[in-house]
Amino acid sequence: MGKFVIREVKTGFKFNLKANNGEIIAVSEIYAGEDACRNGIESVRKNCTANIEDQTVEGYEPLKHPKYEVYLDKAGEYRFRLKARNGEIIAVGEGYKAKASCMNGIDSIRRNAPEAAVVKEEA
């Protein structure tokens, strides 16, 4: 299974969800403290099975939170963001050239997040 890696940055703490192969699947926002960061990880675990709202399709149906939003960024790449029940963004993915790759990223979160270990990266 994958792992959540917590690391300290200049302005607080953030986490990356990594797959078995070490690839980063998703990243978090920056949290003020480590406890808040750990709460963010638990929120990802709790919400990782959410439905997908594909905003790249014309006339898509808006879904209730929690949900994954798939969208095109300014560079024309496919991206996703996972939103919690309260509408807060709790994890985002990288830009993908292909929509299928973006969907695979979401699938990887669904497979890895529930059982992923939590480790703290030492500076």
C-alpha atoms as a PDB file:
ATOM      1  CA  MET A   1       0.000   0.000   0.000  1.00  0.00           C
ATOM      2  CA  GLY A   2       0.956   3.628  -0.342  1.00  0.00           C
ATOM      3  CA  LYS A   3       1.869   6.063   2.387  1.00  0.00           C
ATOM      4  CA  PHE A   4       1.097   9.569   3.533  1.00  0.00           C
ATOM      5  CA  VAL A   5       4.317  11.532   4.008  1.00  0.00           C
ATOM      6  CA  ILE A   6       4.058  14.567   6.293  1.00  0.00           C
ATOM      7  CA  ARG A   7       6.718  17.214   5.934  1.00  0.00           C
ATOM      8  CA  GLU A   8       7.363  20.588   7.447  1.00  0.00           C
ATOM      9  CA  VAL A   9       7.583  23.548   5.087  1.00  0.00           C
ATOM     10  CA  LYS A  10       8.382  27.212   5.782  1.00  0.00           C
ATOM     11  CA  THR A  11       4.763  28.112   6.508  1.00  0.00           C
ATOM     12  CA  GLY A  12       3.511  24.932   8.209  1.00  0.00           C
ATOM     13  CA  PHE A  13       2.943  21.275   7.343  1.00  0.00           C
ATOM     14  CA  LYS A  14       1.717  19.421   4.265  1.00  0.00           C
ATOM     15  CA  PHE A  15       1.357  15.826   3.148  1.00  0.00           C
ATOM     16  CA  ASN A  16       1.877  13.870  -0.029  1.00  0.00           C
ATOM     17  CA  LEU A  17       0.086  10.602  -0.702  1.00  0.00           C
ATOM     18  CA  LYS A  18       2.585   8.314  -2.410  1.00  0.00           C
ATOM     19  CA  ALA A  19       1.951   5.034  -4.218  1.00  0.00           C
ATOM     20  CA  ASN A  20       4.076   1.905  -3.655  1.00  0.00           C
ATOM     21  CA  ASN A  21       6.405   2.971  -6.455  1.00  0.00           C
ATOM     22  CA  GLY A  22       7.090   6.312  -4.734  1.00  0.00           C
ATOM     23  CA  GLU A  23       5.059   8.356  -7.227  1.00  0.00           C
ATOM     24  CA  ILE A  24       3.116  11.219  -5.652  1.00  0.00           C
ATOM     25  CA  ILE A  25      -0.610  10.637  -6.201  1.00  0.00           C
ATOM     26  CA  ALA A  26      -1.942  13.701  -4.398  1.00  0.00           C
ATOM     27  CA  VAL A  27      -0.771  16.638  -2.308  1.00  0.00           C
ATOM     28  CA  SER A  28      -2.414  18.672   0.423  1.00  0.00           C
ATOM     29  CA  GLU A  29      -2.707  22.306   1.217  1.00  0.00           C
ATOM     30  CA  ILE A  30      -0.373  23.783   3.830  1.00  0.00           C
ATOM     31  CA  TYR A  31      -1.663  23.397   7.381  1.00  0.00           C
ATOM     32  CA  ALA A  32      -0.681  25.613  10.308  1.00  0.00           C
ATOM     33  CA  GLY A  33       0.263  22.656  12.521  1.00  0.00           C
ATOM     34  CA  GLU A  34       1.080  18.957  12.357  1.00  0.00           C
ATOM     35  CA  ASP A  35      -2.161  17.950  14.120  1.00  0.00           C
ATOM     36  CA  ALA A  36      -4.223  19.825  11.526  1.00  0.00           C
ATOM     37  CA  CYS A  37      -2.217  18.075   8.797  1.00  0.00           C
ATOM     38  CA  ARG A  38      -2.963  14.681  10.359  1.00  0.00           C
ATOM     39  CA  ASN A  39      -6.657  15.627  10.490  1.00  0.00           C
ATOM     40  CA  GLY A  40      -6.426  16.392   6.763  1.00  0.00           C
ATOM     41  CA  ILE A  41      -5.076  12.883   6.169  1.00  0.00           C
ATOM     42  CA  GLU A  42      -8.004  11.397   8.084  1.00  0.00           C
ATOM     43  CA  SER A  43     -10.375  13.491   5.980  1.00  0.00           C
ATOM     44  CA  VAL A  44      -8.815  12.078   2.799  1.00  0.00           C
ATOM     45  CA  ARG A  45      -9.244   8.547   4.182  1.00  0.00           C
ATOM     46  CA  LYS A  46     -12.879   9.251   5.037  1.00  0.00           C
ATOM     47  CA  ASN A  47     -13.729  10.896   1.701  1.00  0.00           C
ATOM     48  CA  CYS A  48     -11.547   8.965  -0.760  1.00  0.00           C
ATOM     49  CA  THR A  49     -14.456   6.860  -2.061  1.00  0.00           C
ATOM     50  CA  ALA A  50     -16.417   9.949  -3.150  1.00  0.00           C
ATOM     51  CA  ASN A  51     -18.098  10.199  -6.545  1.00  0.00           C
ATOM     52  CA  ILE A  52     -16.507  11.972  -9.491  1.00  0.00           C
ATOM     53  CA  GLU A  53     -17.902  15.204 -10.930  1.00  0.00           C
ATOM     54  CA  ASP A  54     -16.463  15.448 -14.445  1.00  0.00           C
ATOM     55  CA  GLN A  55     -16.400  19.165 -15.187  1.00  0.00           C
ATOM     56  CA  THR A  56     -14.793  18.523 -18.585  1.00  0.00           C
ATOM     57  CA  VAL A  57     -18.107  17.265 -19.961  1.00  0.00           C
ATOM     58  CA  GLU A  58     -20.574  19.843 -21.226  1.00  0.00           C
ATOM     59  CA  GLY A  59     -23.724  19.958 -19.102  1.00  0.00           C
ATOM     60  CA  TYR A  60     -22.195  17.905 -16.255  1.00  0.00           C
ATOM     61  CA  GLU A  61     -24.372  17.330 -13.219  1.00  0.00           C
ATOM     62  CA  PRO A  62     -23.047  19.041 -10.073  1.00  0.00           C
ATOM     63  CA  LEU A  63     -22.686  16.549  -7.217  1.00  0.00           C
ATOM     64  CA  LYS A  64     -22.916  17.042  -3.474  1.00  0.00           C
ATOM     65  CA  HIS A  65     -19.769  17.040  -1.348  1.00  0.00           C
ATOM     66  CA  PRO A  66     -17.684  15.009  -0.767  1.00  0.00           C
ATOM     67  CA  LYS A  67     -16.568  14.617  -4.383  1.00  0.00           C
ATOM     68  CA  TYR A  68     -13.685  14.568  -6.801  1.00  0.00           C
ATOM     69  CA  GLU A  69     -13.787  17.393  -9.329  1.00  0.00           C
ATOM     70  CA  VAL A  70     -12.096  16.640 -12.647  1.00  0.00           C
ATOM     71  CA  TYR A  71     -11.343  19.775 -14.669  1.00  0.00           C
ATOM     72  CA  LEU A  72      -9.055  21.254 -17.306  1.00  0.00           C
ATOM     73  CA  ASP A  73      -6.451  23.729 -16.070  1.00  0.00           C
ATOM     74  CA  LYS A  74      -5.206  26.819 -17.929  1.00  0.00           C
ATOM     75  CA  ALA A  75      -2.522  24.725 -19.657  1.00  0.00           C
ATOM     76  CA  GLY A  76      -5.190  22.339 -20.988  1.00  0.00           C
ATOM     77  CA  GLU A  77      -4.203  19.501 -18.671  1.00  0.00           C
ATOM     78  CA  TYR A  78      -6.612  17.328 -16.720  1.00  0.00           C
ATOM     79  CA  ARG A  79      -6.536  17.738 -12.943  1.00  0.00           C
ATOM     80  CA  PHE A  80      -8.566  16.591  -9.973  1.00  0.00           C
ATOM     81  CA  ARG A  81      -9.257  17.917  -6.523  1.00  0.00           C
ATOM     82  CA  LEU A  82     -10.886  16.014  -3.674  1.00  0.00           C
ATOM     83  CA  LYS A  83     -13.333  18.068  -1.667  1.00  0.00           C
ATOM     84  CA  ALA A  84     -14.555  17.108   1.797  1.00  0.00           C
ATOM     85  CA  ARG A  85     -18.167  17.136   2.962  1.00  0.00           C
ATOM     86  CA  ASN A  86     -17.793  20.833   3.924  1.00  0.00           C
ATOM     87  CA  GLY A  87     -16.539  21.768   0.440  1.00  0.00           C
ATOM     88  CA  GLU A  88     -12.899  22.298   1.488  1.00  0.00           C
ATOM     89  CA  ILE A  89     -10.240  21.034  -0.909  1.00  0.00           C
ATOM     90  CA  ILE A  90      -8.307  18.327   0.945  1.00  0.00           C
ATOM     91  CA  ALA A  91      -6.100  16.904  -1.833  1.00  0.00           C
ATOM     92  CA  VAL A  92      -5.155  17.755  -5.414  1.00  0.00           C
ATOM     93  CA  GLY A  93      -3.490  15.860  -8.216  1.00  0.00           C
ATOM     94  CA  GLU A  94      -0.886  16.824 -10.779  1.00  0.00           C
ATOM     95  CA  GLY A  95      -1.699  17.879 -14.344  1.00  0.00           C
ATOM     96  CA  TYR A  96      -2.247  15.010 -16.791  1.00  0.00           C
ATOM     97  CA  LYS A  97      -2.184  15.169 -20.595  1.00  0.00           C
ATOM     98  CA  ALA A  98      -4.792  12.395 -20.832  1.00  0.00           C
ATOM     99  CA  LYS A  99      -8.099  12.223 -19.002  1.00  0.00           C
ATOM    100  CA  ALA A 100      -7.630   8.465 -18.484  1.00  0.00           C
ATOM    101  CA  SER A 101      -4.417   9.158 -16.550  1.00  0.00           C
ATOM    102  CA  CYS A 102      -6.269  11.639 -14.334  1.00  0.00           C
ATOM    103  CA  MET A 103      -8.950   9.033 -13.629  1.00  0.00           C
ATOM    104  CA  ASN A 104      -6.208   6.499 -12.808  1.00  0.00           C
ATOM    105  CA  GLY A 105      -4.862   8.979 -10.253  1.00  0.00           C
ATOM    106  CA  ILE A 106      -8.257   9.091  -8.544  1.00  0.00           C
ATOM    107  CA  ASP A 107      -8.464   5.294  -8.619  1.00  0.00           C
ATOM    108  CA  SER A 108      -5.019   5.122  -7.020  1.00  0.00           C
ATOM    109  CA  ILE A 109      -6.161   7.353  -4.142  1.00  0.00           C
ATOM    110  CA  ARG A 110      -9.191   5.124  -3.623  1.00  0.00           C
ATOM    111  CA  ARG A 111      -6.929   2.049  -3.456  1.00  0.00           C
ATOM    112  CA  ASN A 112      -4.075   3.519  -1.409  1.00  0.00           C
ATOM    113  CA  ALA A 113      -5.505   6.080   1.041  1.00  0.00           C
ATOM    114  CA  PRO A 114      -7.616   3.834   3.308  1.00  0.00           C
ATOM    115  CA  GLU A 115      -4.701   1.653   4.481  1.00  0.00           C
ATOM    116  CA  ALA A 116      -1.746   3.967   3.813  1.00  0.00           C
ATOM    117  CA  ALA A 117       0.768   4.367   6.616  1.00  0.00           C
ATOM    118  CA  VAL A 118       1.495   7.860   7.919  1.00  0.00           C
ATOM    119  CA  VAL A 119       5.156   8.808   8.192  1.00  0.00           C
ATOM    120  CA  LYS A 120       6.832  12.085   9.046  1.00  0.00           C
ATOM    121  CA  GLU A 121       9.734  13.115   6.862  1.00  0.00           C
ATOM    122  CA  GLU A 122      12.591  14.398   8.958  1.00  0.00           C
ATOM    123  CA  ALA A 123      14.286  17.568   7.791  1.00  0.00           C
END
